[in-house]
Amino acid sequence: ESRGLGDVYKRQLLEEQGYICAYCMRRIPVKDSNSNETSRIEHILCRGKHDDKKLHYANMVVCCPGAINHNFHCDKSKDENDVTFDLYSDHFFTTLFYQSKDGKISSSNKEYNRQMNQLLNLNNPLLMENRHSTLKGVIGYLNKKGWSVANISRMIDCWDNKDTEGCYKEYCGIVVWFLKKKLKQIRNQ
């Protein structure tokens, strides 16, 4: 049985991304008989405006279904617009920060921040709540285990890397950001 090029790309992108959405870090659901949700290949620079890039692998990511309770985000919100930041560059990641009190994601770069909010709608209430709940769970765990350098370092390692099945934890970005900030504070005391 031969697979189409799109299926090959999608499988490879899913593996690279650790089965989380390239934009919101939501778990990418596997389509099954109990769900009509599915993932799809998204073009960072939209195909309609950049025909020359529609088959460029570096212009492709896999996204979640893009809607929670009819509230669009990620590629469904982005529509035919372009995202101009490199999702996987260290430069981009160093501009990101979160609000630990509500799960809001922001960028210190004004244009990146505009795109994250206006194009991708990454701060819709449900995504913010999901990020916040994930972070609260980790904080609760460390409140019980202790905020030692060793415990925080183990948690960073757990959340910043894929598990044995090749998956990143859902909403890992806020957890890694928060734990690295805490580790720095402890080391600077």
N, C-alpha and C. Protein backbone atom coordinates (compact mmCIF):
# COMPACT_ATOMS: atom_id res chain seq x y z
N GLU A 1 0.86 -1.19 0.00
CA GLU A 1 0.00 0.00 0.00
C GLU A 1 0.89 1.23 0.00
N SER A 2 0.71 2.08 -0.98
CA SER A 2 1.53 3.29 -1.04
C SER A 2 0.81 4.43 -0.35
N ARG A 3 1.59 5.27 0.26
CA ARG A 3 1.03 6.44 0.96
C ARG A 3 1.29 7.67 0.11
N GLY A 4 0.38 8.61 0.16
CA GLY A 4 0.56 9.86 -0.55
C GLY A 4 1.65 10.68 0.12
N LEU A 5 2.21 11.60 -0.63
CA LEU A 5 3.26 12.47 -0.10
C LEU A 5 2.76 13.23 1.12
N GLY A 6 1.50 13.68 1.09
CA GLY A 6 0.92 14.39 2.23
C GLY A 6 0.91 13.54 3.49
N ASP A 7 0.59 12.25 3.35
CA ASP A 7 0.60 11.34 4.51
C ASP A 7 2.00 11.16 5.06
N VAL A 8 2.97 11.07 4.17
CA VAL A 8 4.37 10.92 4.60
C VAL A 8 4.81 12.17 5.33
N TYR A 9 4.54 13.34 4.74
CA TYR A 9 4.89 14.61 5.40
C TYR A 9 4.22 14.72 6.75
N LYS A 10 2.94 14.41 6.80
CA LYS A 10 2.19 14.55 8.04
C LYS A 10 2.75 13.65 9.13
N ARG A 11 3.04 12.41 8.80
CA ARG A 11 3.61 11.48 9.78
C ARG A 11 4.96 11.99 10.29
N GLN A 12 5.80 12.47 9.38
CA GLN A 12 7.11 12.98 9.77
C GLN A 12 6.98 14.23 10.63
N LEU A 13 6.09 15.15 10.26
CA LEU A 13 5.88 16.37 11.04
C LEU A 13 5.34 16.04 12.44
N LEU A 14 4.40 15.12 12.52
CA LEU A 14 3.86 14.70 13.82
C LEU A 14 4.97 14.18 14.72
N GLU A 15 5.85 13.35 14.16
CA GLU A 15 6.97 12.81 14.94
C GLU A 15 7.90 13.93 15.39
N GLU A 16 8.25 14.84 14.49
CA GLU A 16 9.15 15.95 14.84
C GLU A 16 8.54 16.83 15.92
N GLN A 17 7.24 17.10 15.81
CA GLN A 17 6.55 17.99 16.75
C GLN A 17 6.15 17.28 18.03
N GLY A 18 6.39 16.00 18.14
CA GLY A 18 6.04 15.27 19.35
C GLY A 18 4.53 15.21 19.57
N TYR A 19 3.77 15.23 18.49
CA TYR A 19 2.31 15.06 18.53
C TYR A 19 1.60 16.18 19.28
N ILE A 20 2.18 17.39 19.25
CA ILE A 20 1.46 18.57 19.75
C ILE A 20 1.39 19.60 18.63
N CYS A 21 0.38 20.44 18.70
CA CYS A 21 0.16 21.47 17.69
C CYS A 21 1.34 22.44 17.66
N ALA A 22 1.77 22.77 16.47
CA ALA A 22 2.90 23.68 16.30
C ALA A 22 2.63 25.07 16.87
N TYR A 23 1.37 25.47 16.94
CA TYR A 23 1.03 26.81 17.40
C TYR A 23 0.64 26.84 18.89
N CYS A 24 -0.35 26.07 19.28
CA CYS A 24 -0.89 26.18 20.65
C CYS A 24 -0.35 25.13 21.62
N MET A 25 0.32 24.11 21.14
CA MET A 25 0.86 23.01 21.93
C MET A 25 -0.22 22.10 22.52
N ARG A 26 -1.40 22.17 21.96
CA ARG A 26 -2.48 21.24 22.33
C ARG A 26 -2.15 19.88 21.74
N ARG A 27 -2.52 18.80 22.43
CA ARG A 27 -2.31 17.46 21.90
C ARG A 27 -3.05 17.35 20.57
N ILE A 28 -2.39 16.80 19.59
CA ILE A 28 -3.04 16.58 18.30
C ILE A 28 -3.80 15.26 18.40
N PRO A 29 -5.13 15.35 18.29
CA PRO A 29 -5.92 14.12 18.44
C PRO A 29 -5.73 13.19 17.25
N VAL A 30 -5.80 11.92 17.54
CA VAL A 30 -5.77 10.92 16.49
C VAL A 30 -7.22 10.64 16.13
N LYS A 31 -7.54 10.77 14.88
CA LYS A 31 -8.93 10.56 14.46
C LYS A 31 -9.32 9.12 14.72
N ASP A 32 -10.43 8.97 15.42
CA ASP A 32 -10.96 7.63 15.67
C ASP A 32 -12.48 7.66 15.50
N SER A 33 -13.10 6.54 15.73
CA SER A 33 -14.54 6.45 15.50
C SER A 33 -15.34 7.28 16.49
N ASN A 34 -14.75 7.70 17.61
CA ASN A 34 -15.46 8.49 18.60
C ASN A 34 -15.25 9.98 18.46
N SER A 35 -14.49 10.39 17.47
CA SER A 35 -14.17 11.81 17.34
C SER A 35 -14.17 12.22 15.88
N ASN A 36 -14.66 13.41 15.60
CA ASN A 36 -14.57 13.92 14.24
C ASN A 36 -13.42 14.92 14.12
N GLU A 37 -12.64 15.06 15.21
CA GLU A 37 -11.49 15.95 15.17
C GLU A 37 -10.33 15.27 14.45
N THR A 38 -9.59 16.06 13.75
CA THR A 38 -8.41 15.54 13.08
C THR A 38 -7.38 16.66 12.98
N SER A 39 -6.19 16.28 12.61
CA SER A 39 -5.13 17.27 12.41
C SER A 39 -4.93 17.44 10.92
N ARG A 40 -4.19 18.48 10.57
CA ARG A 40 -3.91 18.70 9.16
C ARG A 40 -2.59 19.44 9.01
N ILE A 41 -2.04 19.34 7.83
CA ILE A 41 -0.82 20.09 7.52
C ILE A 41 -1.21 21.55 7.29
N GLU A 42 -0.48 22.42 7.94
CA GLU A 42 -0.69 23.87 7.84
C GLU A 42 0.54 24.47 7.16
N HIS A 43 0.33 25.48 6.36
CA HIS A 43 1.42 26.19 5.70
C HIS A 43 1.64 27.51 6.43
N ILE A 44 2.82 27.69 6.99
CA ILE A 44 3.15 28.89 7.76
C ILE A 44 2.99 30.13 6.88
N LEU A 45 3.56 30.08 5.70
CA LEU A 45 3.30 31.09 4.67
C LEU A 45 2.23 30.47 3.78
N CYS A 46 1.07 31.07 3.73
CA CYS A 46 -0.10 30.42 3.12
C CYS A 46 0.12 30.07 1.66
N ARG A 47 -0.48 28.97 1.27
CA ARG A 47 -0.32 28.46 -0.09
C ARG A 47 -0.87 29.43 -1.14
N GLY A 48 -1.96 30.12 -0.81
CA GLY A 48 -2.59 31.03 -1.76
C GLY A 48 -1.69 32.18 -2.17
N LYS A 49 -0.85 32.64 -1.27
CA LYS A 49 0.04 33.77 -1.55
C LYS A 49 1.44 33.33 -1.93
N HIS A 50 1.81 32.10 -1.62
CA HIS A 50 3.18 31.63 -1.82
C HIS A 50 3.17 30.27 -2.51
N ASP A 51 2.71 30.25 -3.73
CA ASP A 51 2.62 28.99 -4.49
C ASP A 51 3.97 28.28 -4.57
N ASP A 52 5.04 29.07 -4.62
CA ASP A 52 6.39 28.49 -4.72
C ASP A 52 6.82 27.78 -3.43
N LYS A 53 6.11 27.99 -2.32
CA LYS A 53 6.50 27.39 -1.04
C LYS A 53 5.53 26.30 -0.58
N LYS A 54 4.50 26.01 -1.36
CA LYS A 54 3.48 25.08 -0.89
C LYS A 54 4.00 23.65 -0.71
N LEU A 55 5.07 23.28 -1.38
CA LEU A 55 5.64 21.94 -1.20
C LEU A 55 6.95 21.96 -0.43
N HIS A 56 7.33 23.12 0.09
CA HIS A 56 8.55 23.21 0.90
C HIS A 56 8.27 22.67 2.29
N TYR A 57 8.98 21.65 2.66
CA TYR A 57 8.79 21.00 3.96
C TYR A 57 8.96 21.99 5.11
N ALA A 58 9.92 22.90 5.00
CA ALA A 58 10.18 23.88 6.07
C ALA A 58 9.02 24.86 6.26
N ASN A 59 8.09 24.90 5.33
CA ASN A 59 6.93 25.79 5.43
C ASN A 59 5.71 25.05 5.99
N MET A 60 5.90 23.81 6.41
CA MET A 60 4.78 22.99 6.87
C MET A 60 4.89 22.65 8.34
N VAL A 61 3.76 22.63 9.00
CA VAL A 61 3.63 22.14 10.38
C VAL A 61 2.29 21.40 10.45
N VAL A 62 2.10 20.64 11.53
CA VAL A 62 0.81 20.01 11.75
C VAL A 62 0.12 20.76 12.88
N CYS A 63 -1.16 21.00 12.69
CA CYS A 63 -1.95 21.74 13.68
C CYS A 63 -3.07 20.89 14.24
N CYS A 64 -3.52 21.29 15.41
CA CYS A 64 -4.70 20.70 16.03
C CYS A 64 -5.93 21.06 15.19
N PRO A 65 -7.10 20.58 15.55
CA PRO A 65 -8.29 20.92 14.76
C PRO A 65 -8.61 22.42 14.69
N GLY A 66 -8.06 23.21 15.60
CA GLY A 66 -8.20 24.66 15.49
C GLY A 66 -9.49 25.24 16.02
N ALA A 67 -10.21 24.47 16.79
CA ALA A 67 -11.46 24.98 17.38
C ALA A 67 -11.76 24.24 18.67
N ILE A 68 -12.13 24.99 19.68
CA ILE A 68 -12.63 24.42 20.93
C ILE A 68 -13.96 25.13 21.17
N ASN A 69 -15.03 24.37 21.22
CA ASN A 69 -16.37 24.95 21.40
C ASN A 69 -16.64 26.08 20.41
N HIS A 70 -16.31 25.86 19.15
CA HIS A 70 -16.55 26.81 18.06
C HIS A 70 -15.74 28.10 18.19
N ASN A 71 -14.73 28.10 19.03
CA ASN A 71 -13.84 29.26 19.18
C ASN A 71 -12.57 28.94 18.39
N PHE A 72 -12.40 29.59 17.24
CA PHE A 72 -11.29 29.28 16.34
C PHE A 72 -9.96 29.80 16.87
N HIS A 73 -8.93 29.03 16.62
CA HIS A 73 -7.55 29.39 16.94
C HIS A 73 -6.64 28.66 15.97
N CYS A 74 -5.35 28.87 16.12
CA CYS A 74 -4.33 28.24 15.27
C CYS A 74 -4.64 28.47 13.79
N ASP A 75 -4.55 27.44 12.94
CA ASP A 75 -4.71 27.67 11.51
C ASP A 75 -6.13 28.06 11.11
N LYS A 76 -7.14 27.65 11.88
CA LYS A 76 -8.51 28.06 11.53
C LYS A 76 -8.70 29.55 11.73
N SER A 77 -8.03 30.11 12.72
CA SER A 77 -8.08 31.55 12.95
C SER A 77 -7.17 32.28 11.96
N LYS A 78 -6.03 31.70 11.67
CA LYS A 78 -5.03 32.30 10.78
C LYS A 78 -5.56 32.46 9.36
N ASP A 79 -6.31 31.47 8.89
CA ASP A 79 -6.92 31.48 7.58
C ASP A 79 -5.85 31.65 6.50
N GLU A 80 -5.96 32.63 5.63
CA GLU A 80 -5.03 32.82 4.51
C GLU A 80 -3.96 33.87 4.82
N ASN A 81 -3.60 34.01 6.07
CA ASN A 81 -2.56 34.97 6.46
C ASN A 81 -1.24 34.24 6.68
N ASP A 82 -0.17 35.00 6.72
CA ASP A 82 1.16 34.44 6.94
C ASP A 82 1.60 34.65 8.38
N VAL A 83 2.29 33.66 8.92
CA VAL A 83 3.00 33.81 10.18
C VAL A 83 4.45 34.07 9.78
N THR A 84 5.03 35.13 10.30
CA THR A 84 6.37 35.52 9.84
C THR A 84 7.48 35.14 10.81
N PHE A 85 7.15 34.58 11.97
CA PHE A 85 8.22 34.16 12.88
C PHE A 85 8.54 32.69 12.66
N ASP A 86 9.78 32.33 12.94
CA ASP A 86 10.24 30.95 12.81
C ASP A 86 9.88 30.22 14.10
N LEU A 87 8.90 29.35 14.00
CA LEU A 87 8.37 28.63 15.17
C LEU A 87 9.42 27.85 15.95
N TYR A 88 10.50 27.47 15.30
CA TYR A 88 11.48 26.60 15.96
C TYR A 88 12.84 27.26 16.19
N SER A 89 12.90 28.57 16.05
CA SER A 89 14.18 29.23 16.27
C SER A 89 14.35 29.60 17.74
N ASP A 90 15.58 29.55 18.20
CA ASP A 90 15.88 29.98 19.56
C ASP A 90 15.50 31.44 19.75
N HIS A 91 15.71 32.25 18.71
CA HIS A 91 15.37 33.67 18.81
C HIS A 91 13.89 33.85 19.14
N PHE A 92 13.03 33.14 18.44
CA PHE A 92 11.60 33.24 18.70
C PHE A 92 11.28 32.83 20.14
N PHE A 93 11.82 31.71 20.57
CA PHE A 93 11.52 31.21 21.93
C PHE A 93 11.98 32.18 23.01
N THR A 94 13.09 32.87 22.78
CA THR A 94 13.56 33.81 23.80
C THR A 94 12.66 35.03 23.93
N THR A 95 11.79 35.27 22.95
CA THR A 95 10.86 36.40 23.04
C THR A 95 9.59 36.04 23.80
N LEU A 96 9.35 34.75 24.02
CA LEU A 96 8.09 34.31 24.63
C LEU A 96 8.12 34.40 26.14
N PHE A 97 6.98 34.76 26.71
CA PHE A 97 6.78 34.68 28.15
C PHE A 97 5.30 34.44 28.41
N TYR A 98 5.00 33.98 29.61
CA TYR A 98 3.63 33.61 29.98
C TYR A 98 3.25 34.33 31.26
N GLN A 99 1.94 34.42 31.50
CA GLN A 99 1.43 34.88 32.78
C GLN A 99 1.04 33.63 33.55
N SER A 100 1.75 33.36 34.65
CA SER A 100 1.46 32.14 35.39
C SER A 100 0.11 32.20 36.09
N LYS A 101 -0.45 33.39 36.28
CA LYS A 101 -1.74 33.52 36.97
C LYS A 101 -2.93 33.18 36.07
N ASP A 102 -2.76 33.25 34.73
CA ASP A 102 -3.90 32.96 33.87
C ASP A 102 -3.56 32.19 32.58
N GLY A 103 -2.28 31.90 32.34
CA GLY A 103 -1.90 31.12 31.17
C GLY A 103 -1.75 31.90 29.88
N LYS A 104 -1.75 33.22 29.95
CA LYS A 104 -1.61 34.04 28.75
C LYS A 104 -0.18 33.93 28.20
N ILE A 105 -0.07 33.81 26.89
CA ILE A 105 1.23 33.78 26.22
C ILE A 105 1.43 35.12 25.51
N SER A 106 2.66 35.63 25.55
CA SER A 106 3.01 36.89 24.90
C SER A 106 4.41 36.79 24.33
N SER A 107 4.73 37.76 23.51
CA SER A 107 6.08 37.89 22.98
C SER A 107 6.56 39.31 23.22
N SER A 108 7.84 39.45 23.52
CA SER A 108 8.42 40.78 23.67
C SER A 108 8.55 41.48 22.31
N ASN A 109 8.44 40.72 21.22
CA ASN A 109 8.48 41.27 19.88
C ASN A 109 7.05 41.68 19.51
N LYS A 110 6.84 42.94 19.25
CA LYS A 110 5.50 43.49 19.01
C LYS A 110 4.77 42.79 17.85
N GLU A 111 5.48 42.54 16.75
CA GLU A 111 4.85 41.89 15.59
C GLU A 111 4.52 40.43 15.88
N TYR A 112 5.41 39.71 16.54
CA TYR A 112 5.12 38.32 16.92
C TYR A 112 3.90 38.28 17.83
N ASN A 113 3.85 39.21 18.78
CA ASN A 113 2.74 39.26 19.72
C ASN A 113 1.42 39.51 18.98
N ARG A 114 1.45 40.43 18.02
CA ARG A 114 0.25 40.71 17.22
C ARG A 114 -0.21 39.46 16.49
N GLN A 115 0.71 38.76 15.86
CA GLN A 115 0.35 37.56 15.12
C GLN A 115 -0.18 36.46 16.04
N MET A 116 0.44 36.28 17.20
CA MET A 116 -0.02 35.26 18.14
C MET A 116 -1.44 35.55 18.63
N ASN A 117 -1.76 36.83 18.83
CA ASN A 117 -3.08 37.20 19.33
C ASN A 117 -4.11 37.38 18.23
N GLN A 118 -3.78 38.13 17.19
CA GLN A 118 -4.77 38.46 16.17
C GLN A 118 -4.91 37.38 15.10
N LEU A 119 -3.81 36.78 14.67
CA LEU A 119 -3.91 35.76 13.63
C LEU A 119 -4.21 34.38 14.19
N LEU A 120 -3.48 34.00 15.24
CA LEU A 120 -3.59 32.63 15.76
C LEU A 120 -4.55 32.49 16.93
N ASN A 121 -4.94 33.60 17.55
CA ASN A 121 -5.85 33.60 18.69
C ASN A 121 -5.38 32.64 19.79
N LEU A 122 -4.09 32.70 20.11
CA LEU A 122 -3.52 31.78 21.10
C LEU A 122 -3.91 32.13 22.53
N ASN A 123 -4.53 33.27 22.73
CA ASN A 123 -4.97 33.64 24.07
C ASN A 123 -6.49 33.60 24.20
N ASN A 124 -7.12 32.71 23.44
CA ASN A 124 -8.55 32.55 23.66
C ASN A 124 -8.73 31.92 25.05
N PRO A 125 -9.85 32.16 25.69
CA PRO A 125 -10.03 31.75 27.09
C PRO A 125 -9.78 30.27 27.37
N LEU A 126 -10.17 29.39 26.47
CA LEU A 126 -9.98 27.96 26.75
C LEU A 126 -8.52 27.53 26.65
N LEU A 127 -7.77 28.08 25.68
CA LEU A 127 -6.35 27.76 25.61
C LEU A 127 -5.61 28.31 26.83
N MET A 128 -5.97 29.53 27.24
CA MET A 128 -5.35 30.11 28.44
C MET A 128 -5.65 29.24 29.66
N GLU A 129 -6.88 28.81 29.81
CA GLU A 129 -7.26 27.97 30.95
C GLU A 129 -6.54 26.62 30.90
N ASN A 130 -6.41 26.04 29.73
CA ASN A 130 -5.69 24.76 29.61
C ASN A 130 -4.22 24.92 30.00
N ARG A 131 -3.58 25.98 29.55
CA ARG A 131 -2.18 26.22 29.93
C ARG A 131 -2.08 26.45 31.43
N HIS A 132 -2.98 27.26 31.97
CA HIS A 132 -2.97 27.58 33.40
C HIS A 132 -3.18 26.32 34.23
N SER A 133 -4.13 25.48 33.85
CA SER A 133 -4.40 24.24 34.59
C SER A 133 -3.19 23.31 34.56
N THR A 134 -2.55 23.22 33.41
CA THR A 134 -1.35 22.38 33.28
C THR A 134 -0.27 22.88 34.23
N LEU A 135 -0.04 24.18 34.24
CA LEU A 135 0.98 24.76 35.12
C LEU A 135 0.61 24.54 36.59
N LYS A 136 -0.64 24.73 36.95
CA LYS A 136 -1.08 24.52 38.34
C LYS A 136 -0.80 23.09 38.79
N GLY A 137 -0.98 22.13 37.90
CA GLY A 137 -0.70 20.74 38.24
C GLY A 137 0.77 20.52 38.57
N VAL A 138 1.65 21.11 37.79
CA VAL A 138 3.09 20.99 38.03
C VAL A 138 3.48 21.70 39.32
N ILE A 139 2.92 22.88 39.55
CA ILE A 139 3.21 23.62 40.79
C ILE A 139 2.74 22.81 41.99
N GLY A 140 1.55 22.21 41.91
CA GLY A 140 1.05 21.36 42.99
C GLY A 140 1.97 20.19 43.27
N TYR A 141 2.47 19.58 42.22
CA TYR A 141 3.39 18.45 42.36
C TYR A 141 4.67 18.91 43.07
N LEU A 142 5.24 20.03 42.64
CA LEU A 142 6.48 20.51 43.26
C LEU A 142 6.25 21.05 44.66
N ASN A 143 5.06 21.53 44.96
CA ASN A 143 4.76 21.93 46.34
C ASN A 143 4.84 20.74 47.28
N LYS A 144 4.48 19.56 46.78
CA LYS A 144 4.56 18.33 47.58
C LYS A 144 5.98 17.77 47.63
N LYS A 145 6.65 17.76 46.49
CA LYS A 145 7.99 17.16 46.38
C LYS A 145 9.11 18.07 46.85
N GLY A 146 8.87 19.37 46.77
CA GLY A 146 9.90 20.33 47.16
C GLY A 146 10.50 21.03 45.96
N TRP A 147 10.83 22.30 46.15
CA TRP A 147 11.36 23.14 45.08
C TRP A 147 12.88 23.13 45.06
N SER A 148 13.48 21.97 45.14
CA SER A 148 14.94 21.88 45.10
C SER A 148 15.43 22.00 43.66
N VAL A 149 16.70 22.35 43.50
CA VAL A 149 17.30 22.43 42.18
C VAL A 149 17.17 21.09 41.47
N ALA A 150 17.39 20.00 42.19
CA ALA A 150 17.30 18.67 41.59
C ALA A 150 15.88 18.36 41.10
N ASN A 151 14.88 18.65 41.92
CA ASN A 151 13.49 18.38 41.52
C ASN A 151 13.07 19.23 40.34
N ILE A 152 13.42 20.50 40.37
CA ILE A 152 13.06 21.38 39.26
C ILE A 152 13.78 20.95 37.99
N SER A 153 15.04 20.61 38.10
CA SER A 153 15.81 20.16 36.94
C SER A 153 15.20 18.88 36.34
N ARG A 154 14.79 17.95 37.18
CA ARG A 154 14.14 16.73 36.70
C ARG A 154 12.84 17.05 35.97
N MET A 155 12.09 17.99 36.52
CA MET A 155 10.82 18.37 35.88
C MET A 155 11.06 19.07 34.54
N ILE A 156 12.07 19.91 34.47
CA ILE A 156 12.41 20.56 33.20
C ILE A 156 12.76 19.50 32.17
N ASP A 157 13.58 18.53 32.58
CA ASP A 157 13.99 17.47 31.67
C ASP A 157 12.76 16.68 31.18
N CYS A 158 11.84 16.42 32.07
CA CYS A 158 10.62 15.68 31.73
C CYS A 158 9.73 16.46 30.76
N TRP A 159 9.59 17.75 30.98
CA TRP A 159 8.67 18.56 30.18
C TRP A 159 9.31 19.13 28.92
N ASP A 160 10.63 19.19 28.85
CA ASP A 160 11.31 19.79 27.70
C ASP A 160 11.75 18.74 26.68
N ASN A 161 11.45 17.48 26.93
CA ASN A 161 11.86 16.40 26.04
C ASN A 161 10.68 15.48 25.76
N LYS A 162 10.79 14.75 24.66
CA LYS A 162 9.76 13.79 24.31
C LYS A 162 9.83 12.59 25.26
N ASP A 163 8.68 11.95 25.47
CA ASP A 163 8.65 10.75 26.30
C ASP A 163 9.07 9.54 25.47
N THR A 164 8.98 8.36 26.04
CA THR A 164 9.44 7.14 25.36
C THR A 164 8.61 6.82 24.12
N GLU A 165 7.42 7.40 24.01
CA GLU A 165 6.59 7.18 22.82
C GLU A 165 6.76 8.30 21.79
N GLY A 166 7.70 9.21 22.05
CA GLY A 166 7.98 10.29 21.10
C GLY A 166 7.05 11.48 21.20
N CYS A 167 6.38 11.62 22.35
CA CYS A 167 5.41 12.71 22.52
C CYS A 167 5.92 13.75 23.52
N TYR A 168 5.68 15.02 23.18
CA TYR A 168 5.85 16.08 24.16
C TYR A 168 4.58 16.15 24.99
N LYS A 169 4.71 16.63 26.21
CA LYS A 169 3.53 16.85 27.04
C LYS A 169 2.77 18.06 26.50
N GLU A 170 1.45 17.96 26.56
CA GLU A 170 0.58 19.03 26.10
C GLU A 170 0.86 20.31 26.90
N TYR A 171 0.93 21.43 26.21
CA TYR A 171 1.18 22.75 26.79
C TYR A 171 2.51 22.81 27.55
N CYS A 172 3.51 22.11 27.05
CA CYS A 172 4.81 22.05 27.72
C CYS A 172 5.51 23.41 27.76
N GLY A 173 5.20 24.29 26.83
CA GLY A 173 5.88 25.58 26.76
C GLY A 173 5.77 26.40 28.03
N ILE A 174 4.57 26.52 28.59
CA ILE A 174 4.39 27.32 29.80
C ILE A 174 5.11 26.68 30.98
N VAL A 175 5.11 25.36 31.05
CA VAL A 175 5.75 24.66 32.17
C VAL A 175 7.26 24.85 32.12
N VAL A 176 7.86 24.65 30.95
CA VAL A 176 9.32 24.80 30.82
C VAL A 176 9.72 26.24 31.09
N TRP A 177 8.98 27.20 30.54
CA TRP A 177 9.28 28.62 30.80
C TRP A 177 9.24 28.91 32.30
N PHE A 178 8.19 28.49 32.98
CA PHE A 178 8.03 28.76 34.41
C PHE A 178 9.13 28.10 35.24
N LEU A 179 9.41 26.82 34.95
CA LEU A 179 10.42 26.10 35.73
C LEU A 179 11.83 26.66 35.52
N LYS A 180 12.15 27.05 34.31
CA LYS A 180 13.47 27.65 34.07
C LYS A 180 13.60 28.98 34.80
N LYS A 181 12.52 29.74 34.84
CA LYS A 181 12.52 31.01 35.59
C LYS A 181 12.71 30.74 37.09
N LYS A 182 12.03 29.74 37.62
CA LYS A 182 12.16 29.39 39.04
C LYS A 182 13.57 28.89 39.37
N LEU A 183 14.10 28.07 38.48
CA LEU A 183 15.45 27.53 38.69
C LEU A 183 16.47 28.66 38.72
N LYS A 184 16.33 29.62 37.83
CA LYS A 184 17.24 30.77 37.81
C LYS A 184 17.12 31.57 39.12
N GLN A 185 15.88 31.78 39.60
CA GLN A 185 15.67 32.51 40.85
C GLN A 185 16.34 31.79 42.02
N ILE A 186 16.18 30.48 42.09
CA ILE A 186 16.77 29.71 43.18
C ILE A 186 18.29 29.77 43.12
N ARG A 187 18.85 29.64 41.94
CA ARG A 187 20.30 29.67 41.78
C ARG A 187 20.89 31.05 42.09
N ASN A 188 20.08 32.10 41.92
CA ASN A 188 20.55 33.47 42.17
C ASN A 188 20.36 33.91 43.60
N GLN A 189 19.78 33.07 44.45
CA GLN A 189 19.55 33.44 45.86
C GLN A 189 20.83 33.33 46.67
